Amino acid sequence: MKTIAFFLEELSAKVMLEGFINAHFRYDPAEFDLQYRVHEGKQDLENHLENRIKYWKTPDTVFVVMRDQDGGDCLAIKRKLKVKCEAAGHPEAIVRIACHELESFYLGDPAAIEKGLEIHHIGKHDRRKLFRQPDSIDQPSKQLAYITKNKYQKIDGSRKIAPCLNPAINTSKSFNVLYSTLCRLLEDVEETAK
């Protein structure tokens, strides 16, 4: 059995990954064990990452570390996390950064926001920078709350929007990198046409 262990900054990332993977991939739980290690923010993730990977007991595990950029230097954050994975004895661990926040993934697909939150006419602004370049927005969570009139809440919003995300049209580059990674990791599974 292949284990994929996701080390995540917060609960909303777990909710997003579970919802998206379950909606877009078919996999046999007898072949793939997906595990999610949720931390209490980026400092908790960074402080515990090395030891948690170093002392991981399950063989044949692929480690995926994901956190928000949150206004920091994306490459520096990625290097720092990679160094921790290398120090834990797993230089092959995959690090993915959501630029700037997880909500950039959602802003990259306004139709998913509309469908998930049952809101109309958000997509009519799809030519605006907000939707064209969601990774360049400093605080996408605030933008998402604003355009949804606070209907978006981190956990519940992630649960509702993630299954609706369409990788074929999503304009978030960081989401597309994550999606490519998931496709590669779950290459033995049949991808559904959603």
N, C-alpha and C. Protein backbone atom coordinates (compact mmCIF):
# COMPACT_ATOMS: atom_id res chain seq x y z
N MET A 1 0.84 -1.19 0.00
CA MET A 1 0.00 0.00 0.00
C MET A 1 0.88 1.24 0.00
N LYS A 2 0.51 2.20 -0.82
CA LYS A 2 1.23 3.47 -0.89
C LYS A 2 0.55 4.47 0.04
N THR A 3 1.34 5.12 0.88
CA THR A 3 0.81 6.13 1.78
C THR A 3 1.23 7.51 1.27
N ILE A 4 0.28 8.41 1.22
CA ILE A 4 0.58 9.81 0.93
C ILE A 4 0.23 10.58 2.19
N ALA A 5 1.25 11.18 2.81
CA ALA A 5 1.07 11.92 4.05
C ALA A 5 1.16 13.41 3.76
N PHE A 6 0.07 14.11 3.97
CA PHE A 6 0.01 15.55 3.78
C PHE A 6 0.26 16.24 5.12
N PHE A 7 1.25 17.12 5.15
CA PHE A 7 1.53 17.92 6.34
C PHE A 7 1.04 19.33 6.04
N LEU A 8 0.03 19.77 6.78
CA LEU A 8 -0.72 20.97 6.42
C LEU A 8 -0.71 22.00 7.54
N GLU A 9 -0.80 23.24 7.13
CA GLU A 9 -0.77 24.37 8.05
C GLU A 9 -2.04 24.49 8.88
N GLU A 10 -3.19 24.12 8.29
CA GLU A 10 -4.45 24.36 8.98
C GLU A 10 -5.53 23.40 8.49
N LEU A 11 -6.61 23.34 9.25
CA LEU A 11 -7.72 22.43 8.95
C LEU A 11 -8.36 22.71 7.60
N SER A 12 -8.46 23.97 7.20
CA SER A 12 -9.11 24.27 5.92
C SER A 12 -8.36 23.63 4.75
N ALA A 13 -7.05 23.46 4.86
CA ALA A 13 -6.28 22.80 3.80
C ALA A 13 -6.65 21.32 3.71
N LYS A 14 -6.84 20.68 4.85
CA LYS A 14 -7.27 19.28 4.87
C LYS A 14 -8.65 19.13 4.23
N VAL A 15 -9.56 20.02 4.63
CA VAL A 15 -10.92 19.97 4.10
C VAL A 15 -10.90 20.17 2.58
N MET A 16 -10.07 21.12 2.12
CA MET A 16 -9.97 21.37 0.68
C MET A 16 -9.43 20.14 -0.05
N LEU A 17 -8.32 19.58 0.44
CA LEU A 17 -7.72 18.42 -0.23
C LEU A 17 -8.66 17.23 -0.25
N GLU A 18 -9.28 16.92 0.88
CA GLU A 18 -10.21 15.79 0.93
C GLU A 18 -11.36 15.98 -0.06
N GLY A 19 -11.96 17.16 -0.04
CA GLY A 19 -13.09 17.42 -0.93
C GLY A 19 -12.69 17.36 -2.39
N PHE A 20 -11.56 17.96 -2.73
CA PHE A 20 -11.12 17.97 -4.11
C PHE A 20 -10.71 16.57 -4.58
N ILE A 21 -9.92 15.87 -3.80
CA ILE A 21 -9.47 14.52 -4.19
C ILE A 21 -10.65 13.58 -4.33
N ASN A 22 -11.56 13.60 -3.37
CA ASN A 22 -12.72 12.70 -3.43
C ASN A 22 -13.63 13.00 -4.62
N ALA A 23 -13.68 14.25 -5.04
CA ALA A 23 -14.54 14.62 -6.16
C ALA A 23 -13.89 14.35 -7.52
N HIS A 24 -12.57 14.38 -7.59
CA HIS A 24 -11.89 14.33 -8.88
C HIS A 24 -11.05 13.10 -9.14
N PHE A 25 -10.85 12.27 -8.15
CA PHE A 25 -10.04 11.07 -8.33
C PHE A 25 -10.78 9.86 -7.78
N ARG A 26 -10.64 8.77 -8.50
CA ARG A 26 -11.12 7.49 -7.96
C ARG A 26 -9.89 6.70 -7.59
N TYR A 27 -9.83 6.27 -6.36
CA TYR A 27 -8.69 5.45 -5.94
C TYR A 27 -9.18 4.37 -4.99
N ASP A 28 -8.45 3.28 -4.97
CA ASP A 28 -8.79 2.16 -4.12
C ASP A 28 -8.11 2.37 -2.76
N PRO A 29 -8.88 2.53 -1.69
CA PRO A 29 -8.28 2.71 -0.37
C PRO A 29 -7.39 1.55 0.05
N ALA A 30 -7.52 0.41 -0.61
CA ALA A 30 -6.63 -0.72 -0.32
C ALA A 30 -5.26 -0.49 -0.94
N GLU A 31 -5.17 0.40 -1.93
CA GLU A 31 -3.89 0.69 -2.58
C GLU A 31 -3.28 2.00 -2.11
N PHE A 32 -4.12 2.95 -1.73
CA PHE A 32 -3.64 4.28 -1.32
C PHE A 32 -4.21 4.64 0.05
N ASP A 33 -3.33 5.01 0.95
CA ASP A 33 -3.74 5.50 2.26
C ASP A 33 -3.38 6.98 2.31
N LEU A 34 -4.39 7.83 2.31
CA LEU A 34 -4.16 9.26 2.37
C LEU A 34 -4.28 9.71 3.82
N GLN A 35 -3.21 10.28 4.34
CA GLN A 35 -3.21 10.74 5.73
C GLN A 35 -2.96 12.24 5.76
N TYR A 36 -3.63 12.90 6.67
CA TYR A 36 -3.54 14.35 6.78
C TYR A 36 -3.09 14.71 8.19
N ARG A 37 -1.97 15.42 8.30
CA ARG A 37 -1.47 15.90 9.58
C ARG A 37 -1.67 17.42 9.61
N VAL A 38 -2.65 17.83 10.39
CA VAL A 38 -3.02 19.24 10.45
C VAL A 38 -2.30 19.90 11.62
N HIS A 39 -1.73 21.06 11.35
CA HIS A 39 -1.01 21.82 12.37
C HIS A 39 -1.79 23.08 12.73
N GLU A 40 -1.35 23.72 13.79
CA GLU A 40 -2.02 24.93 14.26
C GLU A 40 -1.27 26.16 13.75
N GLY A 41 -1.23 26.29 12.44
CA GLY A 41 -0.57 27.42 11.81
C GLY A 41 0.80 27.07 11.27
N LYS A 42 1.37 28.03 10.55
CA LYS A 42 2.64 27.78 9.87
C LYS A 42 3.80 27.57 10.83
N GLN A 43 3.82 28.26 11.97
CA GLN A 43 4.92 28.07 12.92
C GLN A 43 4.88 26.67 13.51
N ASP A 44 3.70 26.19 13.85
CA ASP A 44 3.56 24.84 14.38
C ASP A 44 4.02 23.82 13.33
N LEU A 45 3.63 24.03 12.09
CA LEU A 45 4.07 23.15 11.00
C LEU A 45 5.59 23.14 10.90
N GLU A 46 6.19 24.31 10.84
CA GLU A 46 7.64 24.40 10.67
C GLU A 46 8.39 23.86 11.88
N ASN A 47 7.87 24.10 13.09
CA ASN A 47 8.55 23.64 14.30
C ASN A 47 8.54 22.12 14.46
N HIS A 48 7.51 21.46 13.95
CA HIS A 48 7.37 20.01 14.17
C HIS A 48 7.64 19.16 12.93
N LEU A 49 7.76 19.79 11.79
CA LEU A 49 7.87 19.04 10.52
C LEU A 49 9.03 18.05 10.52
N GLU A 50 10.21 18.51 10.85
CA GLU A 50 11.38 17.64 10.75
C GLU A 50 11.23 16.37 11.58
N ASN A 51 10.86 16.51 12.85
CA ASN A 51 10.74 15.32 13.71
C ASN A 51 9.59 14.41 13.28
N ARG A 52 8.50 15.00 12.83
CA ARG A 52 7.35 14.16 12.45
C ARG A 52 7.66 13.32 11.21
N ILE A 53 8.42 13.90 10.30
CA ILE A 53 8.82 13.12 9.12
C ILE A 53 9.93 12.13 9.49
N LYS A 54 10.88 12.59 10.28
CA LYS A 54 12.02 11.75 10.67
C LYS A 54 11.58 10.47 11.37
N TYR A 55 10.59 10.59 12.25
CA TYR A 55 10.15 9.43 13.04
C TYR A 55 8.88 8.78 12.50
N TRP A 56 8.55 9.06 11.26
CA TRP A 56 7.38 8.45 10.62
C TRP A 56 7.63 6.95 10.48
N LYS A 57 6.67 6.15 10.86
CA LYS A 57 6.86 4.70 10.91
C LYS A 57 6.38 3.94 9.67
N THR A 58 5.46 4.51 8.93
CA THR A 58 4.86 3.79 7.81
C THR A 58 5.80 3.76 6.61
N PRO A 59 6.15 2.55 6.13
CA PRO A 59 7.02 2.47 4.96
C PRO A 59 6.29 2.89 3.68
N ASP A 60 7.05 3.15 2.63
CA ASP A 60 6.50 3.51 1.31
C ASP A 60 5.55 4.71 1.41
N THR A 61 6.04 5.76 2.09
CA THR A 61 5.25 6.98 2.26
C THR A 61 5.83 8.10 1.41
N VAL A 62 4.94 8.81 0.74
CA VAL A 62 5.31 10.03 0.03
C VAL A 62 4.83 11.19 0.89
N PHE A 63 5.74 12.12 1.19
CA PHE A 63 5.41 13.26 2.03
C PHE A 63 5.12 14.49 1.17
N VAL A 64 4.00 15.15 1.46
CA VAL A 64 3.64 16.39 0.78
C VAL A 64 3.41 17.45 1.86
N VAL A 65 4.20 18.51 1.80
CA VAL A 65 4.08 19.60 2.75
C VAL A 65 3.42 20.77 2.03
N MET A 66 2.39 21.33 2.64
CA MET A 66 1.69 22.45 2.00
C MET A 66 1.41 23.54 3.02
N ARG A 67 1.75 24.76 2.63
CA ARG A 67 1.43 25.91 3.48
C ARG A 67 1.20 27.14 2.61
N ASP A 68 0.61 28.15 3.23
CA ASP A 68 0.35 29.41 2.54
C ASP A 68 1.62 30.24 2.46
N GLN A 69 1.70 31.07 1.45
CA GLN A 69 2.81 32.01 1.30
C GLN A 69 2.67 33.15 2.31
N ASP A 70 1.45 33.64 2.49
CA ASP A 70 1.16 34.70 3.46
C ASP A 70 2.10 35.89 3.36
N GLY A 71 2.37 36.37 2.17
CA GLY A 71 3.17 37.56 1.99
C GLY A 71 4.67 37.35 2.09
N GLY A 72 5.11 36.14 2.39
CA GLY A 72 6.54 35.86 2.46
C GLY A 72 7.12 35.60 1.08
N ASP A 73 8.40 35.34 1.04
CA ASP A 73 9.10 35.00 -0.20
C ASP A 73 8.85 33.52 -0.49
N CYS A 74 8.11 33.25 -1.54
CA CYS A 74 7.69 31.88 -1.88
C CYS A 74 8.88 30.92 -1.97
N LEU A 75 9.92 31.33 -2.70
CA LEU A 75 11.08 30.46 -2.89
C LEU A 75 11.83 30.23 -1.57
N ALA A 76 11.93 31.26 -0.75
CA ALA A 76 12.61 31.12 0.54
C ALA A 76 11.84 30.18 1.47
N ILE A 77 10.50 30.30 1.46
CA ILE A 77 9.67 29.42 2.29
C ILE A 77 9.83 27.97 1.82
N LYS A 78 9.79 27.78 0.53
CA LYS A 78 9.93 26.43 -0.02
C LYS A 78 11.29 25.83 0.33
N ARG A 79 12.35 26.63 0.19
CA ARG A 79 13.71 26.16 0.52
C ARG A 79 13.79 25.76 2.00
N LYS A 80 13.23 26.61 2.86
CA LYS A 80 13.28 26.33 4.29
C LYS A 80 12.59 25.01 4.63
N LEU A 81 11.44 24.78 4.03
CA LEU A 81 10.71 23.52 4.27
C LEU A 81 11.45 22.33 3.68
N LYS A 82 12.05 22.52 2.51
CA LYS A 82 12.83 21.43 1.88
C LYS A 82 14.03 21.06 2.75
N VAL A 83 14.69 22.05 3.34
CA VAL A 83 15.83 21.79 4.23
C VAL A 83 15.39 20.95 5.42
N LYS A 84 14.22 21.24 5.96
CA LYS A 84 13.70 20.46 7.09
C LYS A 84 13.41 19.01 6.67
N CYS A 85 12.88 18.85 5.47
CA CYS A 85 12.60 17.49 4.97
C CYS A 85 13.90 16.73 4.73
N GLU A 86 14.90 17.42 4.19
CA GLU A 86 16.21 16.80 3.98
C GLU A 86 16.85 16.40 5.30
N ALA A 87 16.75 17.27 6.30
CA ALA A 87 17.31 16.97 7.62
C ALA A 87 16.61 15.77 8.26
N ALA A 88 15.35 15.55 7.89
CA ALA A 88 14.59 14.41 8.40
C ALA A 88 14.91 13.13 7.63
N GLY A 89 15.76 13.25 6.61
CA GLY A 89 16.14 12.07 5.83
C GLY A 89 15.25 11.80 4.63
N HIS A 90 14.44 12.79 4.23
CA HIS A 90 13.53 12.62 3.11
C HIS A 90 13.62 13.80 2.13
N PRO A 91 14.74 13.87 1.39
CA PRO A 91 14.90 14.97 0.43
C PRO A 91 13.90 14.91 -0.72
N GLU A 92 13.26 13.76 -0.90
CA GLU A 92 12.28 13.60 -1.98
C GLU A 92 10.90 14.17 -1.61
N ALA A 93 10.74 14.62 -0.37
CA ALA A 93 9.45 15.18 0.05
C ALA A 93 9.07 16.33 -0.87
N ILE A 94 7.78 16.45 -1.11
CA ILE A 94 7.26 17.47 -2.02
C ILE A 94 6.74 18.65 -1.20
N VAL A 95 7.13 19.85 -1.58
CA VAL A 95 6.66 21.06 -0.90
C VAL A 95 5.85 21.88 -1.89
N ARG A 96 4.65 22.25 -1.48
CA ARG A 96 3.78 23.09 -2.30
C ARG A 96 3.34 24.29 -1.49
N ILE A 97 3.41 25.46 -2.14
CA ILE A 97 3.04 26.72 -1.49
C ILE A 97 1.81 27.29 -2.18
N ALA A 98 0.80 27.63 -1.38
CA ALA A 98 -0.38 28.31 -1.91
C ALA A 98 -0.07 29.81 -1.94
N CYS A 99 -0.06 30.38 -3.13
CA CYS A 99 0.28 31.80 -3.29
C CYS A 99 -1.02 32.61 -3.36
N HIS A 100 -1.27 33.46 -2.53
CA HIS A 100 -0.73 33.83 -1.24
C HIS A 100 -1.39 33.02 -0.14
N GLU A 101 -2.61 32.60 -0.38
CA GLU A 101 -3.36 31.79 0.58
C GLU A 101 -4.15 30.74 -0.20
N LEU A 102 -4.66 29.79 0.54
CA LEU A 102 -5.49 28.73 -0.03
C LEU A 102 -6.66 29.30 -0.84
N GLU A 103 -7.18 30.42 -0.43
CA GLU A 103 -8.33 31.03 -1.10
C GLU A 103 -8.02 31.46 -2.53
N SER A 104 -6.73 31.58 -2.87
CA SER A 104 -6.35 31.87 -4.26
C SER A 104 -6.84 30.76 -5.18
N PHE A 105 -6.82 29.52 -4.67
CA PHE A 105 -7.32 28.39 -5.46
C PHE A 105 -8.78 28.61 -5.85
N TYR A 106 -9.56 29.13 -4.91
CA TYR A 106 -10.99 29.33 -5.15
C TYR A 106 -11.23 30.51 -6.08
N LEU A 107 -10.47 31.59 -5.89
CA LEU A 107 -10.64 32.75 -6.76
C LEU A 107 -10.24 32.44 -8.19
N GLY A 108 -9.45 31.39 -8.39
CA GLY A 108 -9.09 30.96 -9.74
C GLY A 108 -10.23 30.30 -10.48
N ASP A 109 -11.32 30.02 -9.80
CA ASP A 109 -12.47 29.35 -10.41
C ASP A 109 -13.77 29.94 -9.85
N PRO A 110 -14.18 31.12 -10.35
CA PRO A 110 -15.39 31.75 -9.81
C PRO A 110 -16.65 30.90 -9.95
N ALA A 111 -16.70 30.04 -10.97
CA ALA A 111 -17.87 29.17 -11.11
C ALA A 111 -17.96 28.19 -9.95
N ALA A 112 -16.82 27.75 -9.43
CA ALA A 112 -16.81 26.84 -8.28
C ALA A 112 -17.32 27.56 -7.03
N ILE A 113 -16.97 28.83 -6.89
CA ILE A 113 -17.46 29.63 -5.77
C ILE A 113 -18.98 29.74 -5.85
N GLU A 114 -19.47 30.08 -7.05
CA GLU A 114 -20.92 30.22 -7.25
C GLU A 114 -21.65 28.92 -6.93
N LYS A 115 -21.14 27.83 -7.48
CA LYS A 115 -21.81 26.54 -7.29
C LYS A 115 -21.73 26.09 -5.83
N GLY A 116 -20.53 26.17 -5.25
CA GLY A 116 -20.34 25.69 -3.88
C GLY A 116 -21.11 26.48 -2.85
N LEU A 117 -21.11 27.79 -3.00
CA LEU A 117 -21.77 28.65 -2.01
C LEU A 117 -23.18 29.06 -2.43
N GLU A 118 -23.60 28.58 -3.60
CA GLU A 118 -24.93 28.88 -4.13
C GLU A 118 -25.16 30.40 -4.21
N ILE A 119 -24.18 31.04 -4.85
CA ILE A 119 -24.22 32.48 -5.07
C ILE A 119 -24.22 32.71 -6.57
N HIS A 120 -24.93 33.72 -7.03
CA HIS A 120 -24.98 33.99 -8.46
C HIS A 120 -24.22 35.26 -8.82
N HIS A 121 -23.75 35.28 -10.04
CA HIS A 121 -23.14 36.46 -10.67
C HIS A 121 -21.73 36.82 -10.21
N ILE A 122 -21.08 35.96 -9.45
CA ILE A 122 -19.68 36.23 -9.12
C ILE A 122 -18.83 36.09 -10.38
N GLY A 123 -19.13 35.07 -11.17
CA GLY A 123 -18.37 34.80 -12.38
C GLY A 123 -18.46 35.87 -13.45
N LYS A 124 -19.42 36.78 -13.33
CA LYS A 124 -19.58 37.80 -14.36
C LYS A 124 -18.38 38.75 -14.40
N HIS A 125 -17.59 38.75 -13.36
CA HIS A 125 -16.41 39.62 -13.28
C HIS A 125 -15.15 38.87 -13.67
N ASP A 126 -15.28 37.79 -14.47
CA ASP A 126 -14.13 36.93 -14.72
C ASP A 126 -13.00 37.59 -15.50
N ARG A 127 -13.19 38.78 -16.01
CA ARG A 127 -12.10 39.46 -16.70
C ARG A 127 -11.28 40.32 -15.74
N ARG A 128 -11.76 40.46 -14.54
CA ARG A 128 -11.03 41.27 -13.56
C ARG A 128 -9.79 40.54 -13.07
N LYS A 129 -8.82 41.30 -12.64
CA LYS A 129 -7.57 40.74 -12.13
C LYS A 129 -7.80 39.75 -11.00
N LEU A 130 -8.84 40.01 -10.22
CA LEU A 130 -9.16 39.14 -9.10
C LEU A 130 -9.23 37.67 -9.52
N PHE A 131 -9.84 37.41 -10.68
CA PHE A 131 -10.01 36.05 -11.14
C PHE A 131 -8.93 35.63 -12.15
N ARG A 132 -8.36 36.60 -12.85
CA ARG A 132 -7.33 36.26 -13.85
C ARG A 132 -6.01 35.89 -13.22
N GLN A 133 -5.64 36.59 -12.14
CA GLN A 133 -4.35 36.36 -11.48
C GLN A 133 -4.55 36.25 -9.97
N PRO A 134 -5.24 35.23 -9.52
CA PRO A 134 -5.55 35.15 -8.08
C PRO A 134 -4.32 34.97 -7.20
N ASP A 135 -3.24 34.43 -7.74
CA ASP A 135 -2.03 34.23 -6.94
C ASP A 135 -1.32 35.54 -6.63
N SER A 136 -1.68 36.62 -7.30
CA SER A 136 -1.03 37.91 -7.06
C SER A 136 -1.76 38.75 -6.00
N ILE A 137 -2.87 38.26 -5.50
CA ILE A 137 -3.65 39.00 -4.50
C ILE A 137 -3.09 38.73 -3.11
N ASP A 138 -2.75 39.80 -2.39
CA ASP A 138 -2.11 39.65 -1.07
C ASP A 138 -2.97 38.94 -0.03
N GLN A 139 -4.22 39.26 0.04
CA GLN A 139 -5.10 38.65 1.04
C GLN A 139 -6.37 38.11 0.36
N PRO A 140 -6.23 37.01 -0.35
CA PRO A 140 -7.39 36.47 -1.07
C PRO A 140 -8.55 36.07 -0.16
N SER A 141 -8.25 35.69 1.07
CA SER A 141 -9.35 35.32 1.98
C SER A 141 -10.27 36.51 2.24
N LYS A 142 -9.68 37.70 2.37
CA LYS A 142 -10.50 38.90 2.57
C LYS A 142 -11.29 39.25 1.31
N GLN A 143 -10.66 39.08 0.15
CA GLN A 143 -11.37 39.34 -1.11
C GLN A 143 -12.54 38.37 -1.29
N LEU A 144 -12.29 37.11 -0.94
CA LEU A 144 -13.34 36.11 -1.09
C LEU A 144 -14.50 36.39 -0.14
N ALA A 145 -14.19 36.76 1.09
CA ALA A 145 -15.25 37.12 2.04
C ALA A 145 -16.03 38.32 1.52
N TYR A 146 -15.33 39.29 0.96
CA TYR A 146 -15.97 40.51 0.45
C TYR A 146 -16.92 40.20 -0.71
N ILE A 147 -16.44 39.48 -1.72
CA ILE A 147 -17.28 39.24 -2.90
C ILE A 147 -18.44 38.29 -2.62
N THR A 148 -18.33 37.50 -1.54
CA THR A 148 -19.43 36.60 -1.19
C THR A 148 -20.30 37.18 -0.08
N LYS A 149 -20.03 38.43 0.27
CA LYS A 149 -20.77 39.10 1.35
C LYS A 149 -20.72 38.28 2.64
N ASN A 150 -19.51 37.81 2.94
CA ASN A 150 -19.19 37.01 4.14
C ASN A 150 -19.87 35.64 4.19
N LYS A 151 -20.35 35.18 3.06
CA LYS A 151 -20.90 33.83 3.02
C LYS A 151 -19.76 32.80 3.08
N TYR A 152 -18.58 33.20 2.59
CA TYR A 152 -17.42 32.31 2.66
C TYR A 152 -16.84 32.32 4.07
N GLN A 153 -16.77 31.15 4.67
CA GLN A 153 -16.08 30.93 5.93
C GLN A 153 -15.05 29.82 5.67
N LYS A 154 -13.87 29.93 6.27
CA LYS A 154 -12.74 29.07 5.90
C LYS A 154 -13.07 27.57 5.80
N ILE A 155 -13.58 26.98 6.86
CA ILE A 155 -13.79 25.53 6.87
C ILE A 155 -15.00 25.14 6.02
N ASP A 156 -16.14 25.74 6.32
CA ASP A 156 -17.35 25.40 5.59
C ASP A 156 -17.23 25.77 4.11
N GLY A 157 -16.62 26.92 3.83
CA GLY A 157 -16.42 27.34 2.45
C GLY A 157 -15.52 26.38 1.69
N SER A 158 -14.46 25.93 2.34
CA SER A 158 -13.55 24.97 1.69
C SER A 158 -14.28 23.66 1.41
N ARG A 159 -15.09 23.23 2.35
CA ARG A 159 -15.86 21.99 2.19
C ARG A 159 -16.81 22.08 0.99
N LYS A 160 -17.40 23.25 0.78
CA LYS A 160 -18.39 23.42 -0.29
C LYS A 160 -17.76 23.72 -1.64
N ILE A 161 -16.68 24.49 -1.66
CA ILE A 161 -16.09 24.92 -2.93
C ILE A 161 -15.14 23.88 -3.53
N ALA A 162 -14.33 23.23 -2.70
CA ALA A 162 -13.28 22.32 -3.19
C ALA A 162 -13.78 21.25 -4.17
N PRO A 163 -14.90 20.58 -3.90
CA PRO A 163 -15.36 19.56 -4.85
C PRO A 163 -15.78 20.15 -6.20
N CYS A 164 -16.06 21.44 -6.22
CA CYS A 164 -16.52 22.09 -7.45
C CYS A 164 -15.39 22.63 -8.31
N LEU A 165 -14.18 22.67 -7.78
CA LEU A 165 -13.05 23.22 -8.53
C LEU A 165 -12.82 22.46 -9.82
N ASN A 166 -12.59 23.19 -10.89
CA ASN A 166 -12.35 22.59 -12.21
C ASN A 166 -10.92 22.91 -12.65
N PRO A 167 -10.02 21.92 -12.58
CA PRO A 167 -8.62 22.17 -12.95
C PRO A 167 -8.45 22.65 -14.39
N ALA A 168 -9.38 22.33 -15.25
CA ALA A 168 -9.25 22.71 -16.66
C ALA A 168 -9.37 24.22 -16.87
N ILE A 169 -10.03 24.90 -15.95
CA ILE A 169 -10.22 26.34 -16.14
C ILE A 169 -9.63 27.19 -15.01
N ASN A 170 -9.11 26.56 -13.97
CA ASN A 170 -8.62 27.30 -12.81
C ASN A 170 -7.41 28.15 -13.19
N THR A 171 -7.44 29.44 -12.86
CA THR A 171 -6.37 30.36 -13.24
C THR A 171 -5.30 30.52 -12.16
N SER A 172 -5.42 29.82 -11.05
CA SER A 172 -4.40 29.87 -10.00
C SER A 172 -3.25 28.94 -10.37
N LYS A 173 -2.08 29.52 -10.61
CA LYS A 173 -0.92 28.70 -10.97
C LYS A 173 -0.53 27.77 -9.83
N SER A 174 -0.62 28.26 -8.58
CA SER A 174 -0.24 27.40 -7.46
C SER A 174 -1.22 26.23 -7.31
N PHE A 175 -2.49 26.45 -7.62
CA PHE A 175 -3.45 25.35 -7.61
C PHE A 175 -3.10 24.33 -8.69
N ASN A 176 -2.76 24.82 -9.88
CA ASN A 176 -2.44 23.92 -10.98
C ASN A 176 -1.19 23.10 -10.71
N VAL A 177 -0.23 23.67 -10.01
CA VAL A 177 0.97 22.92 -9.62
C VAL A 177 0.58 21.82 -8.63
N LEU A 178 -0.28 22.15 -7.67
CA LEU A 178 -0.76 21.15 -6.72
C LEU A 178 -1.53 20.05 -7.44
N TYR A 179 -2.39 20.44 -8.37
CA TYR A 179 -3.18 19.46 -9.11
C TYR A 179 -2.27 18.51 -9.90
N SER A 180 -1.25 19.05 -10.55
CA SER A 180 -0.29 18.21 -11.29
C SER A 180 0.40 17.22 -10.35
N THR A 181 0.72 17.70 -9.16
CA THR A 181 1.35 16.83 -8.16
C THR A 181 0.41 15.70 -7.76
N LEU A 182 -0.85 16.03 -7.51
CA LEU A 182 -1.82 15.00 -7.14
C LEU A 182 -2.00 13.98 -8.26
N CYS A 183 -2.04 14.46 -9.50
CA CYS A 183 -2.16 13.54 -10.63
C CYS A 183 -0.97 12.58 -10.68
N ARG A 184 0.22 13.12 -10.45
CA ARG A 184 1.42 12.30 -10.49
C ARG A 184 1.43 11.28 -9.34
N LEU A 185 1.02 11.71 -8.16
CA LEU A 185 1.03 10.82 -7.00
C LEU A 185 -0.03 9.74 -7.10
N LEU A 186 -1.15 10.10 -7.68
CA LEU A 186 -2.25 9.15 -7.81
C LEU A 186 -2.33 8.60 -9.23
N GLU A 187 -1.17 8.48 -9.88
CA GLU A 187 -1.12 8.09 -11.30
C GLU A 187 -1.71 6.72 -11.55
N ASP A 188 -1.77 5.89 -10.55
CA ASP A 188 -2.32 4.56 -10.74
C ASP A 188 -3.84 4.52 -10.64
N VAL A 189 -4.43 5.69 -10.43
CA VAL A 189 -5.88 5.74 -10.29
C VAL A 189 -6.50 6.38 -11.50
N GLU A 190 -7.76 6.11 -11.70
CA GLU A 190 -8.49 6.69 -12.82
C GLU A 190 -9.04 8.04 -12.41
N GLU A 191 -8.71 9.05 -13.19
CA GLU A 191 -9.19 10.40 -12.91
C GLU A 191 -10.59 10.53 -13.50
N THR A 192 -11.49 11.06 -12.71
CA THR A 192 -12.84 11.23 -13.20
C THR A 192 -12.94 12.49 -14.04
N ALA A 193 -13.88 12.52 -14.91
CA ALA A 193 -14.11 13.71 -15.75
C ALA A 193 -15.14 14.58 -15.07
N LYS A 194 -14.67 15.57 -14.37
CA LYS A 194 -15.58 16.48 -13.67
C LYS A 194 -15.52 17.83 -14.32
